[in-house]
N, C-alpha and C. Protein backbone atom coordinates (compact mmCIF):
# COMPACT_ATOMS: atom_id res chain seq x y z
N MET A 1 -11.70 -0.14 4.35
CA MET A 1 -11.21 -1.48 4.31
C MET A 1 -9.92 -1.50 3.46
N LEU A 2 -8.92 -2.16 3.99
CA LEU A 2 -7.66 -2.30 3.27
C LEU A 2 -7.73 -3.49 2.32
N ASP A 3 -6.98 -3.41 1.23
CA ASP A 3 -6.93 -4.55 0.31
C ASP A 3 -6.19 -5.71 0.96
N PHE A 4 -5.03 -5.43 1.53
CA PHE A 4 -4.22 -6.44 2.23
C PHE A 4 -3.58 -5.78 3.44
N TYR A 5 -3.40 -6.56 4.50
CA TYR A 5 -2.74 -6.02 5.68
C TYR A 5 -1.92 -7.12 6.35
N CYS A 6 -0.67 -6.82 6.65
CA CYS A 6 0.20 -7.72 7.39
C CYS A 6 0.45 -7.08 8.75
N ALA A 7 -0.23 -7.60 9.77
CA ALA A 7 -0.14 -7.01 11.11
C ALA A 7 1.26 -7.14 11.69
N GLU A 8 1.95 -8.22 11.36
CA GLU A 8 3.28 -8.47 11.93
C GLU A 8 4.25 -7.33 11.65
N VAL A 9 4.16 -6.74 10.46
CA VAL A 9 5.07 -5.64 10.11
C VAL A 9 4.32 -4.33 9.88
N LYS A 10 3.04 -4.33 10.22
CA LYS A 10 2.20 -3.13 10.07
C LYS A 10 2.33 -2.54 8.66
N LEU A 11 2.01 -3.39 7.68
CA LEU A 11 2.09 -2.99 6.28
C LEU A 11 0.72 -3.17 5.63
N ALA A 12 0.19 -2.08 5.11
CA ALA A 12 -1.06 -2.10 4.36
C ALA A 12 -0.72 -1.99 2.88
N VAL A 13 -1.27 -2.88 2.09
CA VAL A 13 -1.06 -2.84 0.64
C VAL A 13 -2.39 -2.50 -0.01
N GLU A 14 -2.38 -1.43 -0.77
CA GLU A 14 -3.58 -0.99 -1.47
C GLU A 14 -3.34 -1.08 -2.97
N VAL A 15 -4.24 -1.74 -3.67
CA VAL A 15 -4.19 -1.83 -5.13
C VAL A 15 -5.13 -0.76 -5.67
N ASP A 16 -4.55 0.20 -6.35
CA ASP A 16 -5.30 1.36 -6.83
C ASP A 16 -5.68 1.22 -8.30
N GLY A 17 -6.98 1.22 -8.55
CA GLY A 17 -7.47 1.24 -9.92
C GLY A 17 -7.48 2.66 -10.46
N VAL A 18 -8.00 2.83 -11.66
CA VAL A 18 -7.97 4.14 -12.31
C VAL A 18 -8.75 5.20 -11.55
N HIS A 19 -9.76 4.81 -10.78
CA HIS A 19 -10.55 5.80 -10.04
C HIS A 19 -9.72 6.51 -8.97
N HIS A 20 -8.58 5.95 -8.60
CA HIS A 20 -7.73 6.59 -7.59
C HIS A 20 -6.96 7.79 -8.16
N THR A 21 -7.06 8.03 -9.46
CA THR A 21 -6.41 9.20 -10.05
C THR A 21 -7.33 10.42 -10.02
N GLU A 22 -8.59 10.22 -9.69
CA GLU A 22 -9.54 11.34 -9.60
C GLU A 22 -9.21 12.17 -8.37
N ASP A 23 -9.38 13.49 -8.50
CA ASP A 23 -8.98 14.41 -7.43
C ASP A 23 -9.58 14.07 -6.07
N ASP A 24 -10.89 13.84 -6.02
CA ASP A 24 -11.52 13.59 -4.72
C ASP A 24 -11.03 12.28 -4.11
N ARG A 25 -10.81 11.28 -4.94
CA ARG A 25 -10.31 9.99 -4.44
C ARG A 25 -8.87 10.13 -3.96
N ARG A 26 -8.09 10.90 -4.68
CA ARG A 26 -6.69 11.11 -4.30
C ARG A 26 -6.60 11.78 -2.93
N VAL A 27 -7.46 12.76 -2.70
CA VAL A 27 -7.48 13.46 -1.40
C VAL A 27 -7.85 12.48 -0.29
N ARG A 28 -8.86 11.66 -0.52
CA ARG A 28 -9.26 10.67 0.49
C ARG A 28 -8.14 9.66 0.75
N ASP A 29 -7.46 9.25 -0.32
CA ASP A 29 -6.33 8.31 -0.16
C ASP A 29 -5.23 8.94 0.69
N GLU A 30 -4.92 10.21 0.44
CA GLU A 30 -3.88 10.89 1.21
C GLU A 30 -4.26 11.00 2.68
N MET A 31 -5.53 11.31 2.95
CA MET A 31 -5.99 11.40 4.34
C MET A 31 -5.91 10.03 5.02
N ARG A 32 -6.28 9.02 4.30
CA ARG A 32 -6.22 7.65 4.85
C ARG A 32 -4.79 7.24 5.12
N ASP A 33 -3.89 7.51 4.17
CA ASP A 33 -2.48 7.16 4.35
C ASP A 33 -1.89 7.88 5.55
N LYS A 34 -2.29 9.14 5.74
CA LYS A 34 -1.81 9.91 6.89
C LYS A 34 -2.29 9.27 8.18
N TRP A 35 -3.56 8.89 8.23
CA TRP A 35 -4.09 8.25 9.43
C TRP A 35 -3.36 6.94 9.70
N LEU A 36 -3.15 6.15 8.66
CA LEU A 36 -2.43 4.88 8.83
C LEU A 36 -1.03 5.14 9.39
N ALA A 37 -0.34 6.13 8.84
CA ALA A 37 1.02 6.46 9.32
C ALA A 37 0.99 6.85 10.79
N GLU A 38 -0.03 7.58 11.20
CA GLU A 38 -0.16 7.97 12.61
C GLU A 38 -0.34 6.75 13.51
N GLN A 39 -0.84 5.65 12.94
CA GLN A 39 -1.01 4.41 13.69
C GLN A 39 0.24 3.52 13.59
N GLY A 40 1.26 4.01 12.88
CA GLY A 40 2.48 3.23 12.70
C GLY A 40 2.41 2.24 11.57
N ILE A 41 1.43 2.41 10.70
CA ILE A 41 1.22 1.50 9.58
C ILE A 41 1.72 2.13 8.29
N ARG A 42 2.53 1.40 7.56
CA ARG A 42 3.03 1.86 6.27
C ARG A 42 2.02 1.49 5.20
N ALA A 43 1.60 2.46 4.41
CA ALA A 43 0.70 2.20 3.30
C ALA A 43 1.52 2.09 2.02
N LEU A 44 1.40 0.97 1.35
CA LEU A 44 2.07 0.75 0.08
C LEU A 44 1.00 0.74 -1.00
N ARG A 45 1.02 1.75 -1.84
CA ARG A 45 0.02 1.86 -2.91
C ARG A 45 0.62 1.34 -4.21
N ILE A 46 -0.11 0.44 -4.83
CA ILE A 46 0.35 -0.18 -6.08
C ILE A 46 -0.74 0.03 -7.13
N PRO A 47 -0.39 0.71 -8.22
CA PRO A 47 -1.37 0.85 -9.30
C PRO A 47 -1.72 -0.53 -9.89
N ALA A 48 -2.99 -0.77 -10.12
CA ALA A 48 -3.44 -2.07 -10.62
C ALA A 48 -2.76 -2.44 -11.94
N PHE A 49 -2.50 -1.45 -12.78
CA PHE A 49 -1.89 -1.76 -14.08
C PHE A 49 -0.50 -2.35 -13.91
N GLU A 50 0.21 -1.99 -12.84
CA GLU A 50 1.54 -2.56 -12.60
C GLU A 50 1.45 -4.05 -12.31
N ILE A 51 0.41 -4.44 -11.60
CA ILE A 51 0.21 -5.86 -11.31
C ILE A 51 -0.08 -6.61 -12.60
N MET A 52 -0.87 -5.99 -13.46
CA MET A 52 -1.20 -6.63 -14.74
C MET A 52 0.04 -6.78 -15.62
N LEU A 53 0.95 -5.81 -15.53
CA LEU A 53 2.16 -5.86 -16.35
C LEU A 53 3.16 -6.89 -15.84
N ASP A 54 3.37 -6.95 -14.52
CA ASP A 54 4.37 -7.86 -13.97
C ASP A 54 4.08 -8.14 -12.50
N ALA A 55 3.19 -9.07 -12.26
CA ALA A 55 2.78 -9.40 -10.89
C ALA A 55 3.94 -9.88 -10.04
N ASP A 56 4.86 -10.64 -10.64
CA ASP A 56 6.00 -11.15 -9.88
C ASP A 56 6.87 -10.01 -9.37
N GLU A 57 7.11 -9.02 -10.21
CA GLU A 57 7.93 -7.88 -9.81
C GLU A 57 7.25 -7.09 -8.69
N VAL A 58 5.95 -6.91 -8.80
CA VAL A 58 5.21 -6.19 -7.77
C VAL A 58 5.27 -6.96 -6.45
N ALA A 59 5.08 -8.27 -6.51
CA ALA A 59 5.14 -9.09 -5.29
C ALA A 59 6.52 -9.03 -4.66
N THR A 60 7.56 -9.07 -5.48
CA THR A 60 8.93 -8.97 -4.97
C THR A 60 9.14 -7.63 -4.29
N GLY A 61 8.64 -6.57 -4.88
CA GLY A 61 8.77 -5.24 -4.29
C GLY A 61 8.03 -5.12 -2.97
N ALA A 62 6.82 -5.66 -2.91
CA ALA A 62 6.03 -5.62 -1.67
C ALA A 62 6.72 -6.43 -0.58
N TYR A 63 7.28 -7.56 -0.95
CA TYR A 63 8.01 -8.40 0.01
C TYR A 63 9.23 -7.65 0.54
N ALA A 64 9.93 -6.94 -0.32
CA ALA A 64 11.10 -6.16 0.10
C ALA A 64 10.69 -5.09 1.11
N VAL A 65 9.57 -4.43 0.87
CA VAL A 65 9.09 -3.41 1.81
C VAL A 65 8.76 -4.06 3.15
N ALA A 66 8.13 -5.23 3.11
CA ALA A 66 7.81 -5.93 4.36
C ALA A 66 9.08 -6.28 5.12
N LEU A 67 10.09 -6.76 4.41
CA LEU A 67 11.36 -7.10 5.07
C LEU A 67 12.01 -5.87 5.70
N GLU A 68 11.92 -4.72 5.04
CA GLU A 68 12.47 -3.48 5.60
C GLU A 68 11.80 -3.13 6.92
N ARG A 69 10.53 -3.49 7.05
CA ARG A 69 9.77 -3.14 8.25
C ARG A 69 10.04 -4.08 9.42
N VAL A 70 10.61 -5.24 9.15
CA VAL A 70 10.94 -6.18 10.22
C VAL A 70 11.92 -5.49 11.17
N GLY A 71 11.61 -5.51 12.43
CA GLY A 71 12.47 -4.86 13.41
C GLY A 71 12.12 -3.40 13.66
N LYS A 72 11.30 -2.81 12.80
CA LYS A 72 10.88 -1.42 12.99
C LYS A 72 9.57 -1.35 13.75
N VAL A 73 8.93 -2.49 13.87
CA VAL A 73 7.61 -2.54 14.50
C VAL A 73 7.75 -3.09 15.90
C-alpha cells in the first residue's frame, strides 16, 4: 500500500520512518520502487523526520516533482 498516490501524474509518495533504514526494509523498498518504475510510476521517498522539520518545504518539493511529471505521463 502506498502512502499517497496521484494517478494523474503517476507519482507515489512514501513517507519513510526509521524502520526504512534497516537492511531488509531497504531491500524491499528498492524492489518496490523498481516495480513502480516499471509501471511508469515515480516513487518519491521522504524521510518522516524531514516532514517534522519543515512540512511546507517537503510539500513544495513534492509539488515540484508532480509538476515535472505533467506531460510525461
